[in-house]
Structures are given as C-alpha cells and as structure tokens.
PDB file of N, CA and C in Angstrom:
ATOM      1  N   MET A   1      23.901 -23.069   1.404  1.00  0.00           N
ATOM      2  CA  MET A   1      22.764 -22.411   0.801  1.00  0.00           C
ATOM      3  C   MET A   1      21.618 -23.405   0.690  1.00  0.00           C
ATOM      4  N   VAL A   2      20.482 -22.999   1.099  1.00  0.00           N
ATOM      5  CA  VAL A   2      19.296 -23.840   1.018  1.00  0.00           C
ATOM      6  C   VAL A   2      18.400 -23.297  -0.083  1.00  0.00           C
ATOM      7  N   VAL A   3      17.929 -24.195  -0.944  1.00  0.00           N
ATOM      8  CA  VAL A   3      16.972 -23.815  -1.985  1.00  0.00           C
ATOM      9  C   VAL A   3      15.759 -24.723  -1.860  1.00  0.00           C
ATOM     10  N   THR A   4      14.652 -24.294  -2.408  1.00  0.00           N
ATOM     11  CA  THR A   4      13.412 -25.060  -2.361  1.00  0.00           C
ATOM     12  C   THR A   4      13.047 -25.477  -3.774  1.00  0.00           C
ATOM     13  N   VAL A   5      12.612 -26.708  -3.925  1.00  0.00           N
ATOM     14  CA  VAL A   5      12.205 -27.223  -5.228  1.00  0.00           C
ATOM     15  C   VAL A   5      10.726 -26.888  -5.437  1.00  0.00           C
ATOM     16  N   SER A   6      10.406 -26.297  -6.590  1.00  0.00           N
ATOM     17  CA  SER A   6       9.009 -25.946  -6.890  1.00  0.00           C
ATOM     18  C   SER A   6       8.239 -27.194  -7.314  1.00  0.00           C
ATOM     19  N   SER A   7       6.936 -27.044  -7.487  1.00  0.00           N
ATOM     20  CA  SER A   7       6.092 -28.169  -7.919  1.00  0.00           C
ATOM     21  C   SER A   7       6.464 -28.632  -9.327  1.00  0.00           C
ATOM     22  N   LYS A   8       7.145 -27.780 -10.091  1.00  0.00           N
ATOM     23  CA  LYS A   8       7.603 -28.133 -11.437  1.00  0.00           C
ATOM     24  C   LYS A   8       9.017 -28.707 -11.424  1.00  0.00           C
ATOM     25  N   GLY A   9       9.620 -28.878 -10.247  1.00  0.00           N
ATOM     26  CA  GLY A   9      10.976 -29.418 -10.152  1.00  0.00           C
ATOM     27  C   GLY A   9      12.056 -28.375 -10.365  1.00  0.00           C
ATOM     28  N   GLN A  10      11.696 -27.113 -10.283  1.00  0.00           N
ATOM     29  CA  GLN A  10      12.644 -26.031 -10.522  1.00  0.00           C
ATOM     30  C   GLN A  10      13.245 -25.536  -9.210  1.00  0.00           C
ATOM     31  N   VAL A  11      14.489 -25.071  -9.303  1.00  0.00           N
ATOM     32  CA  VAL A  11      15.143 -24.421  -8.164  1.00  0.00           C
ATOM     33  C   VAL A  11      15.747 -23.116  -8.645  1.00  0.00           C
ATOM     34  N   VAL A  12      15.904 -22.178  -7.722  1.00  0.00           N
ATOM     35  CA  VAL A  12      16.564 -20.912  -8.027  1.00  0.00           C
ATOM     36  C   VAL A  12      17.979 -21.006  -7.488  1.00  0.00           C
ATOM     37  N   ILE A  13      18.960 -20.754  -8.361  1.00  0.00           N
ATOM     38  CA  ILE A  13      20.352 -20.750  -7.928  1.00  0.00           C
ATOM     39  C   ILE A  13      20.603 -19.400  -7.259  1.00  0.00           C
ATOM     40  N   PRO A  14      21.054 -19.399  -6.016  1.00  0.00           N
ATOM     41  CA  PRO A  14      21.282 -18.135  -5.318  1.00  0.00           C
ATOM     42  C   PRO A  14      22.251 -17.223  -6.087  1.00  0.00           C
ATOM     43  N   ALA A  15      22.003 -15.924  -6.019  1.00  0.00           N
ATOM     44  CA  ALA A  15      22.797 -14.932  -6.758  1.00  0.00           C
ATOM     45  C   ALA A  15      24.293 -15.060  -6.462  1.00  0.00           C
ATOM     46  N   LYS A  16      24.639 -15.314  -5.211  1.00  0.00           N
ATOM     47  CA  LYS A  16      26.051 -15.436  -4.838  1.00  0.00           C
ATOM     48  C   LYS A  16      26.721 -16.594  -5.600  1.00  0.00           C
ATOM     49  N   ALA A  17      26.020 -17.714  -5.719  1.00  0.00           N
ATOM     50  CA  ALA A  17      26.554 -18.873  -6.435  1.00  0.00           C
ATOM     51  C   ALA A  17      26.623 -18.595  -7.937  1.00  0.00           C
ATOM     52  N   ARG A  18      25.582 -17.950  -8.493  1.00  0.00           N
ATOM     53  CA  ARG A  18      25.597 -17.616  -9.929  1.00  0.00           C
ATOM     54  C   ARG A  18      26.769 -16.720 -10.257  1.00  0.00           C
ATOM     55  N   LYS A  19      27.007 -15.726  -9.409  1.00  0.00           N
ATOM     56  CA  LYS A  19      28.101 -14.787  -9.649  1.00  0.00           C
ATOM     57  C   LYS A  19      29.457 -15.496  -9.560  1.00  0.00           C
ATOM     58  N   ALA A  20      29.627 -16.350  -8.560  1.00  0.00           N
ATOM     59  CA  ALA A  20      30.898 -17.054  -8.367  1.00  0.00           C
ATOM     60  C   ALA A  20      31.223 -17.971  -9.546  1.00  0.00           C
ATOM     61  N   LEU A  21      30.182 -18.549 -10.168  1.00  0.00           N
ATOM     62  CA  LEU A  21      30.391 -19.494 -11.266  1.00  0.00           C
ATOM     63  C   LEU A  21      30.219 -18.866 -12.646  1.00  0.00           C
ATOM     64  N   GLY A  22      29.828 -17.596 -12.688  1.00  0.00           N
ATOM     65  CA  GLY A  22      29.634 -16.932 -13.975  1.00  0.00           C
ATOM     66  C   GLY A  22      28.402 -17.431 -14.715  1.00  0.00           C
ATOM     67  N   VAL A  23      27.390 -17.868 -13.972  1.00  0.00           N
ATOM     68  CA  VAL A  23      26.156 -18.369 -14.579  1.00  0.00           C
ATOM     69  C   VAL A  23      25.250 -17.191 -14.906  1.00  0.00           C
ATOM     70  N   LYS A  24      24.863 -17.129 -16.183  1.00  0.00           N
ATOM     71  CA  LYS A  24      23.986 -16.050 -16.662  1.00  0.00           C
ATOM     72  C   LYS A  24      22.769 -16.683 -17.322  1.00  0.00           C
ATOM     73  N   PRO A  25      21.716 -15.902 -17.585  1.00  0.00           N
ATOM     74  CA  PRO A  25      20.559 -16.461 -18.290  1.00  0.00           C
ATOM     75  C   PRO A  25      21.002 -17.126 -19.595  1.00  0.00           C
ATOM     76  N   GLY A  26      20.527 -18.321 -19.827  1.00  0.00           N
ATOM     77  CA  GLY A  26      20.883 -19.054 -21.040  1.00  0.00           C
ATOM     78  C   GLY A  26      22.065 -20.003 -20.863  1.00  0.00           C
ATOM     79  N   THR A  27      22.766 -19.919 -19.723  1.00  0.00           N
ATOM     80  CA  THR A  27      23.891 -20.820 -19.473  1.00  0.00           C
ATOM     81  C   THR A  27      23.373 -22.250 -19.380  1.00  0.00           C
ATOM     82  N   GLN A  28      23.995 -23.161 -20.124  1.00  0.00           N
ATOM     83  CA  GLN A  28      23.624 -24.564 -20.026  1.00  0.00           C
ATOM     84  C   GLN A  28      24.401 -25.194 -18.878  1.00  0.00           C
ATOM     85  N   MET A  29      23.747 -26.132 -18.186  1.00  0.00           N
ATOM     86  CA  MET A  29      24.349 -26.793 -17.037  1.00  0.00           C
ATOM     87  C   MET A  29      24.323 -28.297 -17.259  1.00  0.00           C
ATOM     88  N   ASP A  30      25.373 -28.968 -16.788  1.00  0.00           N
ATOM     89  CA  ASP A  30      25.395 -30.423 -16.768  1.00  0.00           C
ATOM     90  C   ASP A  30      24.895 -30.847 -15.398  1.00  0.00           C
ATOM     91  N   ALA A  31      23.946 -31.789 -15.355  1.00  0.00           N
ATOM     92  CA  ALA A  31      23.418 -32.284 -14.087  1.00  0.00           C
ATOM     93  C   ALA A  31      23.849 -33.736 -13.927  1.00  0.00           C
ATOM     94  N   ALA A  32      24.456 -34.051 -12.788  1.00  0.00           N
ATOM     95  CA  ALA A  32      24.929 -35.416 -12.530  1.00  0.00           C
ATOM     96  C   ALA A  32      24.596 -35.813 -11.099  1.00  0.00           C
ATOM     97  N   VAL A  33      24.251 -37.075 -10.917  1.00  0.00           N
ATOM     98  CA  VAL A  33      24.037 -37.616  -9.579  1.00  0.00           C
ATOM     99  C   VAL A  33      25.364 -38.204  -9.139  1.00  0.00           C
ATOM    100  N   ASP A  34      25.852 -37.750  -7.991  1.00  0.00           N
ATOM    101  CA  ASP A  34      27.133 -38.211  -7.445  1.00  0.00           C
ATOM    102  C   ASP A  34      26.868 -38.724  -6.038  1.00  0.00           C
ATOM    103  N   GLY A  35      26.714 -40.041  -5.920  1.00  0.00           N
ATOM    104  CA  GLY A  35      26.343 -40.606  -4.624  1.00  0.00           C
ATOM    105  C   GLY A  35      24.942 -40.131  -4.273  1.00  0.00           C
ATOM    106  N   GLY A  36      24.818 -39.430  -3.153  1.00  0.00           N
ATOM    107  CA  GLY A  36      23.526 -38.897  -2.731  1.00  0.00           C
ATOM    108  C   GLY A  36      23.364 -37.430  -3.056  1.00  0.00           C
ATOM    109  N   SER A  37      24.205 -36.913  -3.957  1.00  0.00           N
ATOM    110  CA  SER A  37      24.163 -35.484  -4.287  1.00  0.00           C
ATOM    111  C   SER A  37      23.816 -35.257  -5.752  1.00  0.00           C
ATOM    112  N   LEU A  38      23.189 -34.123  -6.004  1.00  0.00           N
ATOM    113  CA  LEU A  38      22.918 -33.676  -7.358  1.00  0.00           C
ATOM    114  C   LEU A  38      23.891 -32.540  -7.630  1.00  0.00           C
ATOM    115  N   VAL A  39      24.713 -32.695  -8.655  1.00  0.00           N
ATOM    116  CA  VAL A  39      25.766 -31.720  -8.943  1.00  0.00           C
ATOM    117  C   VAL A  39      25.481 -31.049 -10.283  1.00  0.00           C
ATOM    118  N   PHE A  40      25.417 -29.718 -10.281  1.00  0.00           N
ATOM    119  CA  PHE A  40      25.243 -28.946 -11.507  1.00  0.00           C
ATOM    120  C   PHE A  40      26.557 -28.261 -11.840  1.00  0.00           C
ATOM    121  N   THR A  41      27.009 -28.411 -13.083  1.00  0.00           N
ATOM    122  CA  THR A  41      28.251 -27.801 -13.530  1.00  0.00           C
ATOM    123  C   THR A  41      27.964 -26.973 -14.779  1.00  0.00           C
ATOM    124  N   PRO A  42      28.320 -25.672 -14.763  1.00  0.00           N
ATOM    125  CA  PRO A  42      28.095 -24.856 -15.953  1.00  0.00           C
ATOM    126  C   PRO A  42      28.914 -25.399 -17.127  1.00  0.00           C
ATOM    127  N   ILE A  43      28.306 -25.417 -18.305  1.00  0.00           N
ATOM    128  CA  ILE A  43      29.000 -25.832 -19.519  1.00  0.00           C
ATOM    129  C   ILE A  43      29.484 -24.563 -20.215  1.00  0.00           C
ATOM    130  N   PRO A  44      30.792 -24.444 -20.471  1.00  0.00           N
ATOM    131  CA  PRO A  44      31.305 -23.245 -21.143  1.00  0.00           C
ATOM    132  C   PRO A  44      30.649 -23.084 -22.514  1.00  0.00           C
ATOM    133  N   GLU A  45      30.552 -21.854 -22.978  1.00  0.00           N
ATOM    134  CA  GLU A  45      29.960 -21.599 -24.290  1.00  0.00           C
ATOM    135  C   GLU A  45      30.718 -22.352 -25.374  1.00  0.00           C
ATOM    136  N   SER A  46      32.031 -22.428 -25.240  1.00  0.00           N
ATOM    137  CA  SER A  46      32.851 -23.173 -26.183  1.00  0.00           C
ATOM    138  C   SER A  46      33.668 -24.184 -25.395  1.00  0.00           C
ATOM    139  N   PRO A  47      33.142 -25.400 -25.208  1.00  0.00           N
ATOM    140  CA  PRO A  47      33.862 -26.397 -24.418  1.00  0.00           C
ATOM    141  C   PRO A  47      35.260 -26.697 -24.953  1.00  0.00           C
ATOM    142  N   VAL A  48      35.447 -26.621 -26.272  1.00  0.00           N
ATOM    143  CA  VAL A  48      36.762 -26.893 -26.853  1.00  0.00           C
ATOM    144  C   VAL A  48      37.760 -25.841 -26.383  1.00  0.00           C
ATOM    145  N   GLU A  49      37.383 -24.572 -26.473  1.00  0.00           N
ATOM    146  CA  GLU A  49      38.277 -23.504 -26.027  1.00  0.00           C
ATOM    147  C   GLU A  49      38.514 -23.569 -24.525  1.00  0.00           C
ATOM    148  N   ALA A  50      37.515 -23.947 -23.762  1.00  0.00           N
ATOM    149  CA  ALA A  50      37.664 -24.036 -22.311  1.00  0.00           C
ATOM    150  C   ALA A  50      38.673 -25.113 -21.928  1.00  0.00           C
ATOM    151  N   GLY A  51      38.828 -26.130 -22.779  1.00  0.00           N
ATOM    152  CA  GLY A  51      39.751 -27.226 -22.482  1.00  0.00           C
ATOM    153  C   GLY A  51      41.191 -26.963 -22.872  1.00  0.00           C
ATOM    154  N   PHE A  52      41.455 -25.924 -23.666  1.00  0.00           N
ATOM    155  CA  PHE A  52      42.826 -25.638 -24.070  1.00  0.00           C
ATOM    156  C   PHE A  52      43.702 -25.412 -22.850  1.00  0.00           C
ATOM    157  N   GLY A  53      44.848 -26.093 -22.801  1.00  0.00           N
ATOM    158  CA  GLY A  53      45.792 -25.928 -21.711  1.00  0.00           C
ATOM    159  C   GLY A  53      45.426 -26.686 -20.459  1.00  0.00           C
ATOM    160  N   MET A  54      44.346 -27.450 -20.510  1.00  0.00           N
ATOM    161  CA  MET A  54      43.855 -28.142 -19.333  1.00  0.00           C
ATOM    162  C   MET A  54      44.914 -29.068 -18.715  1.00  0.00           C
ATOM    163  N   PHE A  55      45.698 -29.728 -19.558  1.00  0.00           N
ATOM    164  CA  PHE A  55      46.672 -30.692 -19.058  1.00  0.00           C
ATOM    165  C   PHE A  55      48.115 -30.235 -19.295  1.00  0.00           C
ATOM    166  N   LYS A  56      48.291 -28.982 -19.564  1.00  0.00           N
ATOM    167  CA  LYS A  56      49.621 -28.439 -19.840  1.00  0.00           C
ATOM    168  C   LYS A  56      50.571 -28.720 -18.669  1.00  0.00           C
ATOM    169  N   GLY A  57      51.721 -29.288 -18.983  1.00  0.00           N
ATOM    170  CA  GLY A  57      52.746 -29.527 -17.983  1.00  0.00           C
ATOM    171  C   GLY A  57      52.460 -30.681 -17.046  1.00  0.00           C
ATOM    172  N   LYS A  58      51.442 -31.476 -17.336  1.00  0.00           N
ATOM    173  CA  LYS A  58      51.093 -32.557 -16.425  1.00  0.00           C
ATOM    174  C   LYS A  58      51.611 -33.906 -16.897  1.00  0.00           C
ATOM    175  N   GLY A  59      52.204 -33.969 -18.093  1.00  0.00           N
ATOM    176  CA  GLY A  59      52.763 -35.224 -18.587  1.00  0.00           C
ATOM    177  C   GLY A  59      51.746 -36.337 -18.571  1.00  0.00           C
ATOM    178  N   ASP A  60      52.186 -37.522 -18.178  1.00  0.00           N
ATOM    179  CA  ASP A  60      51.306 -38.689 -18.156  1.00  0.00           C
ATOM    180  C   ASP A  60      50.152 -38.534 -17.180  1.00  0.00           C
ATOM    181  N   SER A  61      50.352 -37.752 -16.123  1.00  0.00           N
ATOM    182  CA  SER A  61      49.269 -37.604 -15.141  1.00  0.00           C
ATOM    183  C   SER A  61      48.054 -36.927 -15.771  1.00  0.00           C
ATOM    184  N   GLY A  62      48.276 -36.070 -16.778  1.00  0.00           N
ATOM    185  CA  GLY A  62      47.168 -35.427 -17.477  1.00  0.00           C
ATOM    186  C   GLY A  62      46.327 -36.444 -18.222  1.00  0.00           C
ATOM    187  N   VAL A  63      46.995 -37.417 -18.835  1.00  0.00           N
ATOM    188  CA  VAL A  63      46.278 -38.471 -19.545  1.00  0.00           C
ATOM    189  C   VAL A  63      45.492 -39.308 -18.547  1.00  0.00           C
ATOM    190  N   ARG A  64      46.106 -39.636 -17.411  1.00  0.00           N
ATOM    191  CA  ARG A  64      45.405 -40.409 -16.391  1.00  0.00           C
ATOM    192  C   ARG A  64      44.202 -39.637 -15.860  1.00  0.00           C
ATOM    193  N   THR A  65      44.358 -38.330 -15.694  1.00  0.00           N
ATOM    194  CA  THR A  65      43.237 -37.510 -15.224  1.00  0.00           C
ATOM    195  C   THR A  65      42.099 -37.542 -16.237  1.00  0.00           C
ATOM    196  N   LEU A  66      42.425 -37.406 -17.513  1.00  0.00           N
ATOM    197  CA  LEU A  66      41.406 -37.427 -18.557  1.00  0.00           C
ATOM    198  C   LEU A  66      40.676 -38.767 -18.573  1.00  0.00           C
ATOM    199  N   ILE A  67      41.416 -39.862 -18.460  1.00  0.00           N
ATOM    200  CA  ILE A  67      40.803 -41.185 -18.437  1.00  0.00           C
ATOM    201  C   ILE A  67      39.880 -41.317 -17.226  1.00  0.00           C
ATOM    202  N   GLY A  68      40.330 -40.823 -16.071  1.00  0.00           N
ATOM    203  CA  GLY A  68      39.501 -40.863 -14.864  1.00  0.00           C
ATOM    204  C   GLY A  68      38.221 -40.067 -15.031  1.00  0.00           C
ATOM    205  N   LEU A  69      38.313 -38.895 -15.655  1.00  0.00           N
ATOM    206  CA  LEU A  69      37.131 -38.067 -15.884  1.00  0.00           C
ATOM    207  C   LEU A  69      36.156 -38.773 -16.822  1.00  0.00           C
ATOM    208  N   ARG A  70      36.676 -39.413 -17.867  1.00  0.00           N
ATOM    209  CA  ARG A  70      35.812 -40.137 -18.808  1.00  0.00           C
ATOM    210  C   ARG A  70      35.096 -41.288 -18.114  1.00  0.00           C
ATOM    211  N   ARG A  71      35.821 -42.007 -17.252  1.00  0.00           N
ATOM    212  CA  ARG A  71      35.192 -43.116 -16.517  1.00  0.00           C
ATOM    213  C   ARG A  71      34.087 -42.604 -15.608  1.00  0.00           C
ATOM    214  N   ARG A  72      34.358 -41.480 -14.932  1.00  0.00           N
ATOM    215  CA  ARG A  72      33.350 -40.890 -14.043  1.00  0.00           C
ATOM    216  C   ARG A  72      32.109 -40.497 -14.834  1.00  0.00           C
ATOM    217  N   ASP A  73      32.322 -39.883 -16.019  1.00  0.00           N
ATOM    218  CA  ASP A  73      31.198 -39.466 -16.848  1.00  0.00           C
ATOM    219  C   ASP A  73      30.365 -40.658 -17.292  1.00  0.00           C
ATOM    220  N   ARG A  74      31.044 -41.772 -17.625  1.00  0.00           N
ATOM    221  CA  ARG A  74      30.302 -42.966 -18.048  1.00  0.00           C
ATOM    222  C   ARG A  74      29.458 -43.524 -16.907  1.00  0.00           C
ATOM    223  N   ARG A  75      30.008 -43.506 -15.681  1.00  0.00           N
ATOM    224  CA  ARG A  75      29.263 -44.015 -14.529  1.00  0.00           C
ATOM    225  C   ARG A  75      28.031 -43.170 -14.256  1.00  0.00           C
ATOM    226  N   HIS A  76      28.162 -41.851 -14.458  1.00  0.00           N
ATOM    227  CA  HIS A  76      27.079 -40.929 -14.119  1.00  0.00           C
ATOM    228  C   HIS A  76      26.222 -40.565 -15.324  1.00  0.00           C
ATOM    229  N   GLY A  77      26.591 -41.071 -16.505  1.00  0.00           N
ATOM    230  CA  GLY A  77      25.921 -40.735 -17.753  1.00  0.00           C
ATOM    231  C   GLY A  77      24.533 -41.182 -17.792  1.00  0.00           C
TER     232      GLY A  77
END
C-alpha cells in the first residue's frame, strides 16, 4: 500500500489496513522507527487487559520474550 505524506506530516491509513487492525477514529497508535522503517502499532483501549494470557504456557521463554520486548522498546524509545 502506498500512502502520501501531506504538508502537515499526515498520512491516511488505507481502509483495508484499518479494518484488518481494528483501527477506528480515536484509536491511539505507537510510532517507532525500526531500522529504515516507521512502524505504527495500535494501542489497545486497555493495555492491561490486552496483555492477559500473553505468555500463558510459555514458561521461561515468556519471560525471555518480555525482556526482549522491553529491550527493543528502550532502543526505539
């Protein structure tokens, strides 16, 4: 999908992408630079509830995944 940046730095997220990600008016997004890419990730209305069960059944690997995610966030913060 190709989008164009306006003079105000705005872009329109294509309808197909909004629908696939459940993005609605008022949805907050996290913006991160990852290498040469700009990555937008929708923030759930309740991040705590969205995280429930995230590492269920993963044992120690879940903890390692969480640590890896925190390190990534610090690098891109």
